[in-house]
Structure formats: structure tokens, C-alpha cells
Amino acid sequence: MILPLRGLTTSRLPSLHHHKPPPPRTATISSALSIPDEALTSRGFTFHRTPQNLNLDHLNSVFVAVGFPRRDPEKIKVALEHTDSMLWVEYEKTKKPVAFARATGDGVFNAIIWDVVVDPSFQGIGLGRAVMERLVEELVSRGIVNIALYSEPRVLGFYRPLGFVADPDGIKGMVYSRKNNKKKSQFL
């Protein structure tokens, strides 16, 4: 899914923005979900929208399994406290998280989706799509019209059918790099 940014990159990072006009604020797109909640529940998956009962060590294991660096659980906790929307999927048989995504933003105009992961043992069965559809649905229902995420080029195709496009209207993203700034400060 989304891999973390490491150091300074010389290639331009693809910035993806959700590019569908939002439905009226009272509307829901639940009927457009590729897999209904009931179908996932019958297969032993439960959706959660709060960090309550989320084992951060287990979540960290999923992060590592998809190529993220191991994260300090205390920092994950702080990140979750500053998260506006989140969705994670628990596999009932193991009581462990197997899919996760979160969004931060200003709560009105803009949101950025982060940390989209699916445990490799559960990839290919629709959990990534299910999490993204529901997270986007929640953001759009709040009237948020600019939903962005950063993605590794190798998984761009996953997000396109969900309504994300690269660089709409010529928008270009930039990433602040401490590595680059350390070099500059040595010369000051």
C-alpha cells in the first residue's frame, strides 16, 4: 500500500487527490461499496473507527510486514490522538488488526489519508478497498472536498478506481526534507 517517505528523493512523489464531486452532505455512498459490511462481518471481519482496543504492537507488526519501519508505540498513540478519521479492520479469529487507514486535516476543506496498510496474509480479498471506500465516504459526508494521499508509484493503480487521480489541475506536491536542510545549515 503506501510506503513511508525516507530521506530526500530525487524523483517527484506522486500526489493523489480524490477527484469526485461530493454528494450532498446528507447523502451516503454506502450502496456503492464494493463489499457490504454484512459480507465482511460474515467472513469474520469487524470495522472499528476509534483506537479503542487497537493493539499498537499488532498494528506495528502490520506496518513492518508491508515495509514501513517499526514505529515507537508511544508516537503511534500520539499520531492517533491527532487523527480526524480512522478505520481499522479486526480479524475476529485472532483479535488482531489486519487493515488500517487514517486521515488528518482541517475538518472542513482538506484531508490527507495516511498509513493505508493491509496485512500481506489478507491482501487480495478486498480489505484495502473496503477501508478506503469507507474512509473516503466518511470524509465526503462531512463536506470535505479535497482528499489527498501520497503513494508509491507501484500501487497507484490501486487508488485510481477509487476516484483518485494524479496531479488534478496541475497540482504539484512537495515534501519537506530534514536531510536537505541539514546540509544547508552547515553552510550558514
C-alpha atoms as a PDB file:
ATOM      1  CA  MET A   1       0.000   0.000   0.000  1.00  0.00           C
ATOM      2  CA  ILE A   2       1.515   3.389   0.954  1.00  0.00           C
ATOM      3  CA  LEU A   3       5.171   3.178   1.873  1.00  0.00           C
ATOM      4  CA  PRO A   4       6.835   5.745   4.122  1.00  0.00           C
ATOM      5  CA  LEU A   5       8.932   8.564   2.752  1.00  0.00           C
ATOM      6  CA  ARG A   6      12.604   8.082   3.586  1.00  0.00           C
ATOM      7  CA  GLY A   7      15.086  10.891   3.198  1.00  0.00           C
ATOM      8  CA  LEU A   8      15.365  13.098   0.156  1.00  0.00           C
ATOM      9  CA  THR A   9      14.145  11.700  -3.118  1.00  0.00           C
ATOM     10  CA  THR A  10      15.197  12.925  -6.492  1.00  0.00           C
ATOM     11  CA  SER A  11      12.052  11.758  -8.252  1.00  0.00           C
ATOM     12  CA  ARG A  12       8.779  13.600  -7.927  1.00  0.00           C
ATOM     13  CA  LEU A  13       6.431  11.898  -5.456  1.00  0.00           C
ATOM     14  CA  PRO A  14       3.018  11.220  -6.916  1.00  0.00           C
ATOM     15  CA  SER A  15       0.364  13.213  -5.123  1.00  0.00           C
ATOM     16  CA  LEU A  16      -3.065  11.714  -5.458  1.00  0.00           C
ATOM     17  CA  HIS A  17      -6.234  13.651  -4.859  1.00  0.00           C
ATOM     18  CA  HIS A  18      -9.749  12.345  -4.663  1.00  0.00           C
ATOM     19  CA  HIS A  19     -11.364  13.978  -7.654  1.00  0.00           C
ATOM     20  CA  LYS A  20     -15.078  13.227  -7.447  1.00  0.00           C
ATOM     21  CA  PRO A  21     -17.608  15.955  -6.788  1.00  0.00           C
ATOM     22  CA  PRO A  22     -19.027  15.324  -3.322  1.00  0.00           C
ATOM     23  CA  PRO A  23     -22.620  14.186  -2.947  1.00  0.00           C
ATOM     24  CA  PRO A  24     -24.976  16.397  -0.932  1.00  0.00           C
ATOM     25  CA  ARG A  25     -23.918  16.445   2.716  1.00  0.00           C
ATOM     26  CA  THR A  26     -26.806  14.214   3.786  1.00  0.00           C
ATOM     27  CA  ALA A  27     -26.189  11.636   1.084  1.00  0.00           C
ATOM     28  CA  THR A  28     -24.319   8.413   1.572  1.00  0.00           C
ATOM     29  CA  ILE A  29     -22.480   6.303  -0.945  1.00  0.00           C
ATOM     30  CA  SER A  30     -22.883   3.066   1.042  1.00  0.00           C
ATOM     31  CA  SER A  31     -24.749   1.499  -1.851  1.00  0.00           C
ATOM     32  CA  ALA A  32     -21.594   1.990  -3.935  1.00  0.00           C
ATOM     33  CA  LEU A  33     -19.425  -0.079  -1.582  1.00  0.00           C
ATOM     34  CA  SER A  34     -17.723  -2.954  -3.361  1.00  0.00           C
ATOM     35  CA  ILE A  35     -18.193  -5.262  -0.361  1.00  0.00           C
ATOM     36  CA  PRO A  36     -21.098  -4.606   2.026  1.00  0.00           C
ATOM     37  CA  ASP A  37     -20.411  -4.554   5.776  1.00  0.00           C
ATOM     38  CA  GLU A  38     -22.543  -7.673   6.222  1.00  0.00           C
ATOM     39  CA  ALA A  39     -20.400  -9.670   3.785  1.00  0.00           C
ATOM     40  CA  LEU A  40     -17.211  -8.753   5.644  1.00  0.00           C
ATOM     41  CA  THR A  41     -18.800  -9.404   9.031  1.00  0.00           C
ATOM     42  CA  SER A  42     -19.908 -12.864   7.889  1.00  0.00           C
ATOM     43  CA  ARG A  43     -16.267 -13.573   6.937  1.00  0.00           C
ATOM     44  CA  GLY A  44     -15.061 -12.700  10.435  1.00  0.00           C
ATOM     45  CA  PHE A  45     -14.012  -9.061   9.991  1.00  0.00           C
ATOM     46  CA  THR A  46     -15.085  -6.170  12.203  1.00  0.00           C
ATOM     47  CA  PHE A  47     -14.699  -2.458  11.401  1.00  0.00           C
ATOM     48  CA  HIS A  48     -13.579  -0.013  14.093  1.00  0.00           C
ATOM     49  CA  ARG A  49     -13.448   3.796  13.865  1.00  0.00           C
ATOM     50  CA  THR A  50     -11.659   4.555  17.138  1.00  0.00           C
ATOM     51  CA  PRO A  51      -8.328   3.412  18.566  1.00  0.00           C
ATOM     52  CA  GLN A  52     -10.128   1.722  21.463  1.00  0.00           C
ATOM     53  CA  ASN A  53      -8.985  -1.938  21.648  1.00  0.00           C
ATOM     54  CA  LEU A  54      -6.399  -1.373  18.905  1.00  0.00           C
ATOM     55  CA  ASN A  55      -3.241  -3.180  19.970  1.00  0.00           C
ATOM     56  CA  LEU A  56      -0.440  -0.884  18.794  1.00  0.00           C
ATOM     57  CA  ASP A  57       2.139  -3.678  18.816  1.00  0.00           C
ATOM     58  CA  HIS A  58      -0.044  -5.715  16.461  1.00  0.00           C
ATOM     59  CA  LEU A  59      -0.616  -2.649  14.258  1.00  0.00           C
ATOM     60  CA  ASN A  60       3.135  -2.071  14.224  1.00  0.00           C
ATOM     61  CA  SER A  61       3.573  -5.662  13.004  1.00  0.00           C
ATOM     62  CA  VAL A  62       1.306  -4.917  10.055  1.00  0.00           C
ATOM     63  CA  PHE A  63       3.284  -1.720   9.319  1.00  0.00           C
ATOM     64  CA  VAL A  64       6.542  -3.703   9.317  1.00  0.00           C
ATOM     65  CA  ALA A  65       5.029  -6.510   7.217  1.00  0.00           C
ATOM     66  CA  VAL A  66       4.246  -4.032   4.404  1.00  0.00           C
ATOM     67  CA  GLY A  67       7.655  -2.327   4.540  1.00  0.00           C
ATOM     68  CA  PHE A  68       7.165   0.555   6.977  1.00  0.00           C
ATOM     69  CA  PRO A  69       9.859   0.988   9.615  1.00  0.00           C
ATOM     70  CA  ARG A  70       8.972  -0.185  13.127  1.00  0.00           C
ATOM     71  CA  ARG A  71       7.441   2.768  14.968  1.00  0.00           C
ATOM     72  CA  ASP A  72       7.568   3.783  18.615  1.00  0.00           C
ATOM     73  CA  PRO A  73       4.141   2.771  20.055  1.00  0.00           C
ATOM     74  CA  GLU A  74       4.003   5.995  22.102  1.00  0.00           C
ATOM     75  CA  LYS A  75       4.409   8.030  18.901  1.00  0.00           C
ATOM     76  CA  ILE A  76       1.716   5.954  17.191  1.00  0.00           C
ATOM     77  CA  LYS A  77      -0.559   6.751  20.134  1.00  0.00           C
ATOM     78  CA  VAL A  78       0.102  10.490  19.735  1.00  0.00           C
ATOM     79  CA  ALA A  79      -0.498  10.271  15.971  1.00  0.00           C
ATOM     80  CA  LEU A  80      -3.834   8.546  16.583  1.00  0.00           C
ATOM     81  CA  GLU A  81      -4.819  11.248  19.096  1.00  0.00           C
ATOM     82  CA  HIS A  82      -4.304  13.800  16.296  1.00  0.00           C
ATOM     83  CA  THR A  83      -6.184  11.765  13.698  1.00  0.00           C
ATOM     84  CA  ASP A  84      -9.541  13.077  12.480  1.00  0.00           C
ATOM     85  CA  SER A  85     -10.830   9.839  10.931  1.00  0.00           C
ATOM     86  CA  MET A  86      -9.599   6.314  11.096  1.00  0.00           C
ATOM     87  CA  LEU A  87     -10.751   2.865  10.176  1.00  0.00           C
ATOM     88  CA  TRP A  88      -9.232  -0.437  11.087  1.00  0.00           C
ATOM     89  CA  VAL A  89     -10.337  -3.975  10.486  1.00  0.00           C
ATOM     90  CA  GLU A  90     -10.020  -6.664  13.124  1.00  0.00           C
ATOM     91  CA  TYR A  91      -9.963 -10.348  12.231  1.00  0.00           C
ATOM     92  CA  GLU A  92     -12.228 -11.949  14.834  1.00  0.00           C
ATOM     93  CA  LYS A  93     -10.350 -15.277  14.974  1.00  0.00           C
ATOM     94  CA  THR A  94      -7.094 -13.641  16.060  1.00  0.00           C
ATOM     95  CA  LYS A  95      -8.428 -10.358  17.522  1.00  0.00           C
ATOM     96  CA  LYS A  96      -5.661  -8.591  15.574  1.00  0.00           C
ATOM     97  CA  PRO A  97      -5.794  -5.645  13.163  1.00  0.00           C
ATOM     98  CA  VAL A  98      -5.387  -6.734   9.546  1.00  0.00           C
ATOM     99  CA  ALA A  99      -6.170  -3.474   7.714  1.00  0.00           C
ATOM    100  CA  PHE A 100      -5.820   0.172   8.698  1.00  0.00           C
ATOM    101  CA  ALA A 101      -6.019   3.729   7.334  1.00  0.00           C
ATOM    102  CA  ARG A 102      -6.323   7.160   8.894  1.00  0.00           C
ATOM    103  CA  ALA A 103      -6.878  10.756   7.813  1.00  0.00           C
ATOM    104  CA  THR A 104      -5.837  14.091   9.228  1.00  0.00           C
ATOM    105  CA  GLY A 105      -6.925  17.516   8.107  1.00  0.00           C
ATOM    106  CA  ASP A 106      -8.644  20.753   8.925  1.00  0.00           C
ATOM    107  CA  GLY A 107     -12.072  19.137   9.321  1.00  0.00           C
ATOM    108  CA  VAL A 108     -13.676  21.427   6.734  1.00  0.00           C
ATOM    109  CA  PHE A 109     -11.872  21.638   3.392  1.00  0.00           C
ATOM    110  CA  ASN A 110      -8.882  19.290   3.317  1.00  0.00           C
ATOM    111  CA  ALA A 111      -7.858  15.843   4.471  1.00  0.00           C
ATOM    112  CA  ILE A 112      -4.839  13.642   3.862  1.00  0.00           C
ATOM    113  CA  ILE A 113      -5.050   9.874   4.086  1.00  0.00           C
ATOM    114  CA  TRP A 114      -2.075   8.173   5.759  1.00  0.00           C
ATOM    115  CA  ASP A 115      -0.843   4.735   6.706  1.00  0.00           C
ATOM    116  CA  VAL A 116      -3.047   2.634   4.430  1.00  0.00           C
ATOM    117  CA  VAL A 117      -1.958  -0.938   5.156  1.00  0.00           C
ATOM    118  CA  VAL A 118      -3.307  -4.447   4.775  1.00  0.00           C
ATOM    119  CA  ASP A 119      -1.557  -7.408   6.365  1.00  0.00           C
ATOM    120  CA  PRO A 120       0.031  -9.331   3.458  1.00  0.00           C
ATOM    121  CA  SER A 121      -1.790 -12.510   4.588  1.00  0.00           C
ATOM    122  CA  PHE A 122      -5.084 -10.715   3.947  1.00  0.00           C
ATOM    123  CA  GLN A 123      -4.257  -8.818   0.754  1.00  0.00           C
ATOM    124  CA  GLY A 124      -6.237  -9.519  -2.384  1.00  0.00           C
ATOM    125  CA  ILE A 125      -9.605 -10.107  -0.696  1.00  0.00           C
ATOM    126  CA  GLY A 126     -10.882  -6.530  -0.824  1.00  0.00           C
ATOM    127  CA  LEU A 127      -9.973  -5.209   2.634  1.00  0.00           C
ATOM    128  CA  GLY A 128      -7.852  -2.325   1.299  1.00  0.00           C
ATOM    129  CA  ARG A 129     -10.644  -1.219  -0.990  1.00  0.00           C
ATOM    130  CA  ALA A 130     -13.211  -1.641   1.791  1.00  0.00           C
ATOM    131  CA  VAL A 131     -11.199   0.536   4.181  1.00  0.00           C
ATOM    132  CA  MET A 132     -10.545   3.232   1.578  1.00  0.00           C
ATOM    133  CA  GLU A 133     -14.165   3.365   0.387  1.00  0.00           C
ATOM    134  CA  ARG A 134     -15.460   3.793   3.922  1.00  0.00           C
ATOM    135  CA  LEU A 135     -12.831   6.349   4.928  1.00  0.00           C
ATOM    136  CA  VAL A 136     -13.475   8.444   1.809  1.00  0.00           C
ATOM    137  CA  GLU A 137     -17.234   8.113   2.342  1.00  0.00           C
ATOM    138  CA  GLU A 138     -16.873   9.465   5.883  1.00  0.00           C
ATOM    139  CA  LEU A 139     -14.741  12.420   4.773  1.00  0.00           C
ATOM    140  CA  VAL A 140     -17.058  13.301   1.868  1.00  0.00           C
ATOM    141  CA  SER A 141     -20.119  13.067   4.143  1.00  0.00           C
ATOM    142  CA  ARG A 142     -18.519  15.799   6.277  1.00  0.00           C
ATOM    143  CA  GLY A 143     -18.264  18.027   3.210  1.00  0.00           C
ATOM    144  CA  ILE A 144     -14.507  17.640   2.759  1.00  0.00           C
ATOM    145  CA  VAL A 145     -13.831  18.011  -0.955  1.00  0.00           C
ATOM    146  CA  ASN A 146     -10.025  17.889  -1.164  1.00  0.00           C
ATOM    147  CA  ILE A 147      -8.830  14.447  -0.088  1.00  0.00           C
ATOM    148  CA  ALA A 148      -5.172  13.709  -0.794  1.00  0.00           C
ATOM    149  CA  LEU A 149      -2.755  10.858  -0.179  1.00  0.00           C
ATOM    150  CA  TYR A 150       0.804  10.015  -1.136  1.00  0.00           C
ATOM    151  CA  SER A 151       1.526   6.713  -2.759  1.00  0.00           C
ATOM    152  CA  GLU A 152       4.403   4.692  -4.052  1.00  0.00           C
ATOM    153  CA  PRO A 153       4.283   4.576  -7.866  1.00  0.00           C
ATOM    154  CA  ARG A 154       3.908   0.787  -7.826  1.00  0.00           C
ATOM    155  CA  VAL A 155       0.470   0.967  -6.165  1.00  0.00           C
ATOM    156  CA  LEU A 156      -1.050   3.959  -7.958  1.00  0.00           C
ATOM    157  CA  GLY A 157      -3.324   1.612  -9.874  1.00  0.00           C
ATOM    158  CA  PHE A 158      -4.982   0.534  -6.623  1.00  0.00           C
ATOM    159  CA  TYR A 159      -6.225   4.074  -5.904  1.00  0.00           C
ATOM    160  CA  ARG A 160      -7.405   5.120  -9.394  1.00  0.00           C
ATOM    161  CA  PRO A 161     -10.620   3.020  -9.380  1.00  0.00           C
ATOM    162  CA  LEU A 162     -11.448   4.645  -6.034  1.00  0.00           C
ATOM    163  CA  GLY A 163     -11.615   8.085  -7.658  1.00  0.00           C
ATOM    164  CA  PHE A 164      -8.054   9.275  -7.032  1.00  0.00           C
ATOM    165  CA  VAL A 165      -6.128  10.960  -9.830  1.00  0.00           C
ATOM    166  CA  ALA A 166      -2.531  12.125 -10.061  1.00  0.00           C
ATOM    167  CA  ASP A 167      -1.988  15.872 -10.128  1.00  0.00           C
ATOM    168  CA  PRO A 168      -5.503  17.170 -10.891  1.00  0.00           C
ATOM    169  CA  ASP A 169      -5.465  20.644 -12.382  1.00  0.00           C
ATOM    170  CA  GLY A 170      -1.665  20.620 -12.422  1.00  0.00           C
ATOM    171  CA  ILE A 171      -1.356  20.479  -8.611  1.00  0.00           C
ATOM    172  CA  LYS A 172       2.185  19.535  -7.575  1.00  0.00           C
ATOM    173  CA  GLY A 173       3.172  18.360  -4.135  1.00  0.00           C
ATOM    174  CA  MET A 174       6.391  18.953  -2.285  1.00  0.00           C
ATOM    175  CA  VAL A 175       7.876  17.240   0.763  1.00  0.00           C
ATOM    176  CA  TYR A 176       9.991  18.958   3.420  1.00  0.00           C
ATOM    177  CA  SER A 177      13.225  17.063   3.992  1.00  0.00           C
ATOM    178  CA  ARG A 178      15.293  17.456   7.164  1.00  0.00           C
ATOM    179  CA  LYS A 179      18.194  15.771   5.379  1.00  0.00           C
ATOM    180  CA  ASN A 180      18.297  18.523   2.755  1.00  0.00           C
ATOM    181  CA  ASN A 181      18.007  21.289   5.365  1.00  0.00           C
ATOM    182  CA  LYS A 182      20.846  19.879   7.486  1.00  0.00           C
ATOM    183  CA  LYS A 183      23.181  20.299   4.508  1.00  0.00           C
ATOM    184  CA  LYS A 184      22.110  23.921   4.053  1.00  0.00           C
ATOM    185  CA  SER A 185      22.507  24.778   7.752  1.00  0.00           C
ATOM    186  CA  GLN A 186      26.128  23.585   7.707  1.00  0.00           C
ATOM    187  CA  PHE A 187      26.966  26.454   5.383  1.00  0.00           C
ATOM    188  CA  LEU A 188      25.203  29.217   7.331  1.00  0.00           C
END
